[in-house]
């Protein structure tokens, strides 16, 4: 008798493959539809896929189950029955062995396909347990770092025992919180809240050095220079926190602005209002949309800082350096900016109503028609390479108080002052302006 050749006929494949692909598409849609807007805006989907791999694995599993139902479970009974019937009619050991192998393979396939749902459930459970453990670990890290933020050490002063901030431990806590914010997007805003609260509590505006200057007097510039030079060096922990806050990554800043993703239902804004930032180095830092009302920022370095839409109402920024600072649409009403340096500063749309820019040096700042200069004080301010032509709130009374040259473009209807025809070099302009203010 010839050996048996077993041939399994596979029915119409297109129908069942289409059914499996439909299951895959529906499951994938349900898995990501809730976060579709967030997903499609991500420049790199790999981090999202790593976090939601179970959501991607489930549709693949259902697709495999669909194939198993079709190829094995649906037709398996008939195939095994036919094999058993053949086995009963065979007499040679080789035929019996071949049929036994075929039956065993089919039964093994059935057993394997039956475990797929349980494996998927196991993967889902393990993934949930891993997330829970990770969140618990992150909570422990935050708790420990917050405890270290208040670390103190014992010191002896004239034989008396006192306590003082343990700066080394506090710096470690600040960097630990920065790492947590980088590792966990969901914990980013709570970490920023902790750091901002630390600054508000440990560097309040009332602790700032008092700047006593008679701005009505003739020698106000010299008095201000002496007062600003006397400001002490800022605490290193406050400087470090501002540096950490200001160097947030782009994805974290986008997360702060996305009301649906950050679960706040509104734009998150750094709250550093009524704090002491005297002489801090804030150059290049990102403080967009920050709440900085009443901040004391005298002699601060803000070169290249990003402060678009920041609220600086009644901020005190005498002598501050705003070279290349982006302050578009910032709220600067009633801000004190005497003697400040605004060189190539972007101020389109900024609100400078009732601000005081007495003696400030404006070299090439950018204004537009939406910049508000209503009642802004320009007494003895130097204006060079400034285009006021589109600003309707810049008046004759303000023009009379400034020191300028022909590089300054005035609005239509303004009576040109004597300096409107003067064309000095930059050095000559600065020397004449400084001499005129002595």
Protein backbone atom coordinates (compact mmCIF):
# COMPACT_ATOMS: atom_id res chain seq x y z
CA UNK A 1 0.00 0.00 0.00
CA UNK A 2 1.30 3.49 -0.90
CA UNK A 3 2.16 5.84 1.97
CA UNK A 4 -0.52 8.37 2.91
CA UNK A 5 -0.08 11.96 1.79
CA UNK A 6 -2.14 14.35 3.90
CA UNK A 7 -3.42 17.45 2.16
CA UNK A 8 -5.37 20.09 4.03
CA UNK A 9 -7.48 22.18 1.71
CA UNK A 10 -7.75 25.78 2.79
CA UNK A 11 -11.04 27.49 1.96
CA UNK A 12 -11.40 30.99 0.56
CA UNK A 13 -8.56 32.91 2.30
CA UNK A 14 -9.53 36.41 1.26
CA UNK A 15 -12.73 36.35 3.31
CA UNK A 16 -11.05 35.37 6.55
CA UNK A 17 -7.96 37.50 6.08
CA UNK A 18 -10.25 40.45 5.47
CA UNK A 19 -12.16 39.57 8.65
CA UNK A 20 -8.91 39.49 10.63
CA UNK A 21 -7.74 42.82 9.22
CA UNK A 22 -11.09 44.36 10.11
CA UNK A 23 -10.71 43.23 13.72
CA UNK A 24 -7.19 44.66 13.75
CA UNK A 25 -8.31 48.05 12.36
CA UNK A 26 -11.26 48.41 14.74
CA UNK A 27 -9.21 47.52 17.80
CA UNK A 28 -6.36 49.83 16.81
CA UNK A 29 -8.80 52.69 16.27
CA UNK A 30 -10.39 52.18 19.70
CA UNK A 31 -6.94 52.05 21.28
CA UNK A 32 -5.67 55.37 19.92
CA UNK A 33 -8.76 57.41 19.04
CA UNK A 34 -8.86 59.08 22.45
CA UNK A 35 -5.33 60.41 22.04
CA UNK A 36 -5.35 60.84 18.26
CA UNK A 37 -4.85 64.62 18.27
CA UNK A 38 -1.93 64.27 20.66
CA UNK A 39 -0.44 61.35 18.71
CA UNK A 40 -0.53 62.98 15.28
CA UNK A 41 1.23 66.10 16.59
CA UNK A 42 4.15 64.18 18.04
CA UNK A 43 7.32 64.52 15.96
CA UNK A 44 8.52 61.09 17.06
CA UNK A 45 5.93 58.32 17.70
CA UNK A 46 8.45 55.85 19.16
CA UNK A 47 8.14 57.07 22.78
CA UNK A 48 4.35 56.81 22.52
CA UNK A 49 4.61 53.29 21.07
CA UNK A 50 6.94 52.25 23.89
CA UNK A 51 4.44 53.49 26.47
CA UNK A 52 1.35 52.03 24.77
CA UNK A 53 2.76 48.82 23.39
CA UNK A 54 -0.06 46.79 24.96
CA UNK A 55 -2.64 48.81 23.01
CA UNK A 56 -0.77 47.93 19.84
CA UNK A 57 -0.26 44.29 20.82
CA UNK A 58 -3.93 43.62 21.53
CA UNK A 59 -5.15 44.09 17.95
CA UNK A 60 -2.33 41.88 16.73
CA UNK A 61 -3.45 39.25 19.21
CA UNK A 62 -7.05 39.45 18.10
CA UNK A 63 -5.91 39.13 14.52
CA UNK A 64 -3.99 35.98 15.44
CA UNK A 65 -7.05 34.62 17.23
CA UNK A 66 -9.15 35.30 14.11
CA UNK A 67 -6.69 33.36 11.98
CA UNK A 68 -6.62 30.54 14.53
CA UNK A 69 -10.41 30.35 14.55
CA UNK A 70 -10.48 30.05 10.80
CA UNK A 71 -7.52 27.80 10.07
CA UNK A 72 -7.71 25.50 13.08
CA UNK A 73 -10.65 25.71 15.43
CA UNK A 74 -13.32 26.02 12.71
CA UNK A 75 -12.09 23.16 10.53
CA UNK A 76 -10.15 21.16 13.07
CA UNK A 77 -12.97 18.82 14.07
CA UNK A 78 -13.56 17.64 10.51
CA UNK A 79 -9.86 17.25 9.80
CA UNK A 80 -9.19 15.22 12.93
CA UNK A 81 -12.30 13.09 12.26
CA UNK A 82 -11.10 12.31 8.74
CA UNK A 83 -7.65 11.47 10.02
CA UNK A 84 -9.06 9.09 12.63
CA UNK A 85 -11.17 7.41 9.92
CA UNK A 86 -8.10 6.98 7.77
CA UNK A 87 -6.16 5.63 10.74
CA UNK A 88 -8.70 2.89 11.30
CA UNK A 89 -8.27 1.72 7.69
CA UNK A 90 -4.49 1.60 7.69
CA UNK A 91 -2.44 -1.44 8.49
CA UNK A 92 1.20 -0.53 7.86
CA UNK A 93 3.21 0.95 10.74
CA UNK A 94 4.45 3.82 8.52
CA UNK A 95 0.93 4.94 7.68
CA UNK A 96 -0.14 4.75 11.30
CA UNK A 97 2.89 6.78 12.38
CA UNK A 98 2.27 9.49 9.76
CA UNK A 99 -1.37 9.85 10.74
CA UNK A 100 -0.49 9.95 14.43
CA UNK A 101 2.00 12.76 13.78
CA UNK A 102 -0.61 14.71 11.84
CA UNK A 103 -3.23 14.33 14.57
CA UNK A 104 -0.71 15.35 17.25
CA UNK A 105 0.30 18.46 15.27
CA UNK A 106 -3.32 19.52 14.85
CA UNK A 107 -4.10 18.99 18.52
CA UNK A 108 -0.98 20.98 19.46
CA UNK A 109 -2.08 23.84 17.25
CA UNK A 110 -5.49 23.85 18.92
CA UNK A 111 -3.88 23.94 22.37
CA UNK A 112 -1.54 26.75 21.31
CA UNK A 113 -4.32 28.90 19.87
CA UNK A 114 -6.37 28.39 23.03
CA UNK A 115 -3.61 30.03 25.11
CA UNK A 116 -3.50 33.25 23.06
CA UNK A 117 -6.27 35.08 25.02
CA UNK A 118 -4.68 34.13 28.31
CA UNK A 119 -1.27 35.34 27.14
CA UNK A 120 -2.78 38.67 26.14
CA UNK A 121 -4.45 39.01 29.53
CA UNK A 122 -1.14 38.19 31.19
CA UNK A 123 0.67 40.85 29.14
CA UNK A 124 -1.98 43.44 30.04
CA UNK A 125 -1.83 42.59 33.76
CA UNK A 126 1.97 42.72 33.81
CA UNK A 127 1.92 46.04 32.02
CA UNK A 128 -0.50 47.51 34.55
CA UNK A 129 1.57 46.20 37.46
CA UNK A 130 4.72 47.67 35.94
CA UNK A 131 3.03 51.07 35.53
CA UNK A 132 1.76 51.01 39.10
CA UNK A 133 5.22 50.15 40.41
CA UNK A 134 6.78 52.88 38.27
CA UNK A 135 4.33 55.49 39.53
CA UNK A 136 4.96 54.44 43.11
CA UNK A 137 8.70 54.70 42.55
CA UNK A 138 8.31 58.16 41.02
CA UNK A 139 6.21 59.29 43.99
CA UNK A 140 8.93 58.10 46.36
CA UNK A 141 11.56 60.01 44.37
CA UNK A 142 9.51 63.22 44.53
CA UNK A 143 8.86 62.82 48.25
CA UNK A 144 12.54 62.30 49.01
CA UNK A 145 13.60 65.25 46.85
CA UNK A 146 11.07 67.56 48.52
CA UNK A 147 12.37 66.53 51.93
CA UNK A 148 15.91 67.36 50.82
CA UNK A 149 14.81 70.80 49.58
CA UNK A 150 14.37 71.78 53.21
CA UNK A 151 17.67 70.29 54.38
CA UNK A 152 19.56 72.28 57.02
CA UNK A 153 22.89 71.91 58.78
CA UNK A 154 24.15 72.94 62.19
CA UNK A 155 26.64 75.80 62.36
CA UNK A 156 28.39 77.53 65.25
CA UNK A 157 28.50 81.30 65.36
CA UNK A 158 30.35 82.96 68.26
CA UNK A 159 29.86 79.84 70.34
CA UNK A 160 26.15 79.69 69.60
CA UNK A 161 24.55 76.80 67.76
CA UNK A 162 22.39 77.75 64.80
CA UNK A 163 21.02 76.17 61.67
CA UNK A 164 21.55 77.18 58.07
CA UNK A 165 20.39 75.83 54.71
CA UNK A 166 22.40 72.83 53.56
CA UNK A 167 23.06 74.14 50.06
CA UNK A 168 24.82 71.00 48.83
CA UNK A 169 21.86 68.76 49.69
CA UNK A 170 19.34 71.28 48.34
CA UNK A 171 21.17 71.51 45.03
CA UNK A 172 21.05 67.72 44.77
CA UNK A 173 17.31 67.83 45.40
CA UNK A 174 16.81 70.47 42.70
CA UNK A 175 18.66 68.40 40.11
CA UNK A 176 16.77 65.28 41.22
CA UNK A 177 13.47 67.06 40.61
CA UNK A 178 14.69 68.21 37.20
CA UNK A 179 15.50 64.59 36.31
CA UNK A 180 12.05 63.47 37.47
CA UNK A 181 10.39 66.12 35.29
CA UNK A 182 12.45 64.91 32.33
CA UNK A 183 11.68 61.22 32.94
CA UNK A 184 7.96 61.61 33.62
CA UNK A 185 5.86 63.98 31.55
CA UNK A 186 2.86 63.52 33.86
CA UNK A 187 4.98 64.75 36.81
CA UNK A 188 6.46 67.72 34.96
CA UNK A 189 3.91 70.31 36.10
CA UNK A 190 3.90 69.18 39.78
CA UNK A 191 7.70 69.48 39.79
CA UNK A 192 7.52 72.99 38.31
CA UNK A 193 4.97 73.90 40.98
CA UNK A 194 7.32 72.67 43.71
CA UNK A 195 10.28 74.63 42.35
CA UNK A 196 8.26 77.83 41.86
CA UNK A 197 6.83 77.55 45.37
CA UNK A 198 10.38 77.17 46.73
CA UNK A 199 11.42 80.42 45.03
CA UNK A 200 8.34 82.30 46.24
CA UNK A 201 8.94 81.11 49.81
CA UNK A 202 12.73 81.48 49.99
CA UNK A 203 13.19 84.57 47.81
CA UNK A 204 10.16 86.82 48.38
CA UNK A 205 10.16 90.34 46.97
CA UNK A 206 10.22 91.90 50.43
CA UNK A 207 13.69 90.41 51.02
CA UNK A 208 15.18 92.29 48.06
CA UNK A 209 17.84 94.93 48.71
CA UNK A 210 16.26 98.36 48.94
CA UNK A 211 17.16 100.67 46.05
CA UNK A 212 16.95 104.23 47.35
CA UNK A 213 17.26 106.58 44.40
CA UNK A 214 15.88 110.10 43.96
CA UNK A 215 14.74 109.89 40.34
CA UNK A 216 13.69 113.54 40.46
CA UNK A 217 17.21 114.63 41.34
CA UNK A 218 20.05 115.48 38.98
CA UNK A 219 22.33 112.70 40.21
CA UNK A 220 19.82 109.86 39.98
CA UNK A 221 21.93 107.85 37.52
CA UNK A 222 24.97 107.84 39.82
CA UNK A 223 22.80 107.01 42.83
CA UNK A 224 21.20 104.10 40.96
CA UNK A 225 24.57 102.74 39.84
CA UNK A 226 25.87 102.78 43.43
CA UNK A 227 22.68 101.15 44.73
CA UNK A 228 22.71 98.41 42.07
CA UNK A 229 26.37 97.60 42.68
CA UNK A 230 25.56 97.13 46.37
CA UNK A 231 23.04 94.36 45.66
CA UNK A 232 24.40 91.09 47.09
CA UNK A 233 25.08 88.04 44.95
CA UNK A 234 21.88 85.97 44.65
CA UNK A 235 21.65 82.63 46.51
CA UNK A 236 22.95 79.73 44.45
CA UNK A 237 19.86 77.58 45.08
CA UNK A 238 17.56 80.28 43.67
CA UNK A 239 19.84 80.77 40.65
CA UNK A 240 19.90 77.01 40.06
CA UNK A 241 16.12 76.67 40.22
CA UNK A 242 15.60 79.50 37.73
CA UNK A 243 18.13 77.86 35.41
CA UNK A 244 16.33 74.51 35.69
CA UNK A 245 12.94 76.09 35.07
CA UNK A 246 14.21 78.14 32.14
CA UNK A 247 15.80 75.25 30.25
CA UNK A 248 12.70 73.09 29.99
CA UNK A 249 12.57 71.00 26.83
CA UNK A 250 10.25 71.80 23.95
CA UNK A 251 8.00 68.79 24.58
CA UNK A 252 7.46 69.87 28.19
CA UNK A 253 6.58 73.42 27.15
CA UNK A 254 4.10 72.05 24.61
CA UNK A 255 2.64 69.86 27.36
CA UNK A 256 2.14 72.94 29.55
CA UNK A 257 0.21 74.66 26.76
CA UNK A 258 -1.96 71.66 25.87
CA UNK A 259 -5.00 71.97 28.14
CA UNK A 260 -6.33 68.54 27.14
CA UNK A 261 -3.04 66.74 27.75
CA UNK A 262 -1.99 68.40 31.01
CA UNK A 263 -5.40 67.66 32.62
CA UNK A 264 -5.65 71.25 33.90
CA UNK A 265 -8.17 72.35 31.28
CA UNK A 266 -6.14 75.54 30.85
CA UNK A 267 -2.68 76.78 29.92
CA UNK A 268 -0.15 76.18 32.69
CA UNK A 269 1.90 79.24 33.66
CA UNK A 270 4.97 79.38 35.88
CA UNK A 271 4.08 81.40 38.99
CA UNK A 272 7.12 83.41 40.12
CA UNK A 273 5.21 86.53 41.08
CA UNK A 274 6.42 88.78 43.90
CA UNK A 275 9.86 87.17 44.06
CA UNK A 276 13.38 88.57 44.39
CA UNK A 277 15.45 88.04 41.24
CA UNK A 278 17.98 90.79 41.72
CA UNK A 279 21.21 90.20 39.76
CA UNK A 280 20.09 86.75 38.62
CA UNK A 281 21.49 85.40 35.37
CA UNK A 282 18.40 84.61 33.30
CA UNK A 283 20.12 84.78 29.93
CA UNK A 284 18.71 82.46 27.29
CA UNK A 285 16.04 81.06 29.61
CA UNK A 286 12.48 80.30 28.53
CA UNK A 287 10.00 82.20 30.68
CA UNK A 288 7.17 82.44 28.17
CA UNK A 289 3.75 83.09 29.72
CA UNK A 290 5.31 83.25 33.19
CA UNK A 291 3.53 85.12 35.98
CA UNK A 292 6.08 87.70 37.15
CA UNK A 293 3.90 90.40 38.67
CA UNK A 294 5.74 92.50 41.21
CA UNK A 295 9.04 90.68 40.67
CA UNK A 296 12.22 92.51 41.70
CA UNK A 297 14.57 92.01 38.77
CA UNK A 298 17.02 94.88 39.14
CA UNK A 299 20.43 94.41 37.49
CA UNK A 300 19.28 91.05 36.13
CA UNK A 301 20.86 89.57 33.01
CA UNK A 302 18.12 88.75 30.50
CA UNK A 303 20.21 88.53 27.33
CA UNK A 304 18.38 86.37 24.81
CA UNK A 305 15.69 85.35 27.28
CA UNK A 306 12.27 84.33 25.94
CA UNK A 307 9.55 86.22 27.81
CA UNK A 308 6.72 86.34 25.29
CA UNK A 309 3.35 86.97 26.94
CA UNK A 310 4.95 87.10 30.38
CA UNK A 311 3.07 89.16 32.96
CA UNK A 312 5.51 91.72 34.41
CA UNK A 313 2.97 94.12 35.88
CA UNK A 314 4.67 96.51 38.35
CA UNK A 315 7.96 94.61 37.99
CA UNK A 316 11.07 96.51 39.08
CA UNK A 317 13.79 96.06 36.47
CA UNK A 318 16.06 99.07 36.87
CA UNK A 319 19.42 98.55 35.20
CA UNK A 320 18.39 95.17 33.73
CA UNK A 321 19.99 93.96 30.52
CA UNK A 322 17.47 93.14 27.77
CA UNK A 323 19.84 92.60 24.83
CA UNK A 324 18.06 90.40 22.29
CA UNK A 325 15.30 89.58 24.75
CA UNK A 326 11.98 88.48 23.23
CA UNK A 327 9.20 90.30 25.09
CA UNK A 328 6.51 90.21 22.43
CA UNK A 329 3.00 90.71 23.85
CA UNK A 330 4.41 90.92 27.37
CA UNK A 331 2.52 92.84 30.05
CA UNK A 332 4.89 95.59 31.25
CA UNK A 333 2.36 98.14 32.40
CA UNK A 334 3.63 100.22 35.35
CA UNK A 335 6.99 98.42 35.19
CA UNK A 336 10.04 100.32 36.44
CA UNK A 337 12.82 100.12 33.85
CA UNK A 338 14.95 103.16 34.65
CA UNK A 339 18.42 102.83 33.19
CA UNK A 340 17.61 99.49 31.51
CA UNK A 341 19.31 98.40 28.29
CA UNK A 342 16.94 97.43 25.47
CA UNK A 343 19.16 96.52 22.51
CA UNK A 344 17.50 94.66 19.63
CA UNK A 345 14.73 93.75 22.06
CA UNK A 346 11.55 92.36 20.50
CA UNK A 347 8.59 94.26 21.95
CA UNK A 348 5.90 93.85 19.30
CA UNK A 349 2.52 93.87 20.98
CA UNK A 350 4.00 94.62 24.42
CA UNK A 351 1.96 96.70 26.84
CA UNK A 352 4.20 99.46 28.26
CA UNK A 353 1.43 101.76 29.46
CA UNK A 354 2.54 103.84 32.47
CA UNK A 355 5.91 102.09 32.45
CA UNK A 356 8.94 104.14 33.50
CA UNK A 357 11.88 104.01 31.08
CA UNK A 358 13.68 107.08 32.40
CA UNK A 359 17.28 107.08 31.23
CA UNK A 360 16.89 103.75 29.44
CA UNK A 361 19.04 102.96 26.39
CA UNK A 362 16.91 101.83 23.43
CA UNK A 363 19.07 100.75 20.52
CA UNK A 364 17.13 98.97 17.78
CA UNK A 365 14.19 97.58 19.76
CA UNK A 366 11.32 96.27 17.64
CA UNK A 367 7.87 97.85 18.04
CA UNK A 368 4.71 97.53 15.95
CA UNK A 369 1.25 99.07 15.78
CA UNK A 370 0.02 96.96 18.70
CA UNK A 371 2.78 98.12 21.09
CA UNK A 372 1.16 100.27 23.76
CA UNK A 373 3.24 103.26 24.94
CA UNK A 374 0.41 105.18 26.60
CA UNK A 375 1.84 107.45 29.34
CA UNK A 376 5.16 105.61 29.19
CA UNK A 377 7.91 107.79 30.72
CA UNK A 378 10.87 108.40 28.37
CA UNK A 379 12.65 111.16 30.29
CA UNK A 380 16.32 111.29 29.18
CA UNK A 381 15.95 107.96 27.40
CA UNK A 382 18.26 107.32 24.44
CA UNK A 383 16.45 106.14 21.32
CA UNK A 384 18.43 105.01 18.31
CA UNK A 385 17.39 102.87 15.34
CA UNK A 386 13.83 102.86 16.68
CA UNK A 387 10.77 102.83 14.43
CA UNK A 388 7.82 104.52 16.15
CA UNK A 389 5.96 105.18 12.90
CA UNK A 390 3.17 102.63 13.45
CA UNK A 391 2.58 103.47 17.13
CA UNK A 392 -0.37 105.79 17.70
CA UNK A 393 0.23 106.02 21.46
CA UNK A 394 3.62 107.77 21.09
CA UNK A 395 2.99 111.51 21.54
CA UNK A 396 4.72 114.87 21.10
CA UNK A 397 5.17 115.18 24.86
CA UNK A 398 7.11 111.91 24.97
CA UNK A 399 9.26 112.86 21.96
CA UNK A 400 10.35 116.07 23.65
CA UNK A 401 11.83 114.09 26.54
CA UNK A 402 13.97 111.61 24.60
CA UNK A 403 17.50 111.89 23.22
CA UNK A 404 17.62 110.61 19.65
CA UNK A 405 19.07 111.01 16.17
CA UNK A 406 18.01 110.74 12.56
CA UNK A 407 17.88 106.91 12.74
CA UNK A 408 14.70 107.17 14.80
CA UNK A 409 11.48 107.17 12.74
CA UNK A 410 8.63 109.14 14.32
CA UNK A 411 4.88 108.72 13.73
CA UNK A 412 3.14 110.99 11.26
CA UNK A 413 1.91 114.21 12.78
CA UNK A 414 4.72 114.40 15.36
CA UNK A 415 6.71 117.62 15.30
CA UNK A 416 10.34 116.63 14.53
CA UNK A 417 12.74 117.73 17.30
CA UNK A 418 16.17 119.23 16.66
CA UNK A 419 17.93 115.87 16.84
CA UNK A 420 15.85 114.46 13.98
CA UNK A 421 18.48 115.73 11.49
CA UNK A 422 21.52 114.65 13.52
CA UNK A 423 23.51 111.70 12.10
CA UNK A 424 26.24 110.72 14.60
CA UNK A 425 28.20 107.49 14.84
CA UNK A 426 27.12 105.02 17.52
CA UNK A 427 30.03 105.95 19.80
CA UNK A 428 29.44 109.67 19.30
CA UNK A 429 25.74 109.23 20.03
CA UNK A 430 26.38 107.35 23.26
CA UNK A 431 28.99 109.87 24.49
CA UNK A 432 26.70 112.84 23.83
CA UNK A 433 23.76 111.13 25.49
CA UNK A 434 25.77 110.18 28.56
CA UNK A 435 27.25 113.71 28.85
CA UNK A 436 23.80 115.27 28.55
CA UNK A 437 22.62 113.22 31.52
CA UNK A 438 25.48 114.13 33.87
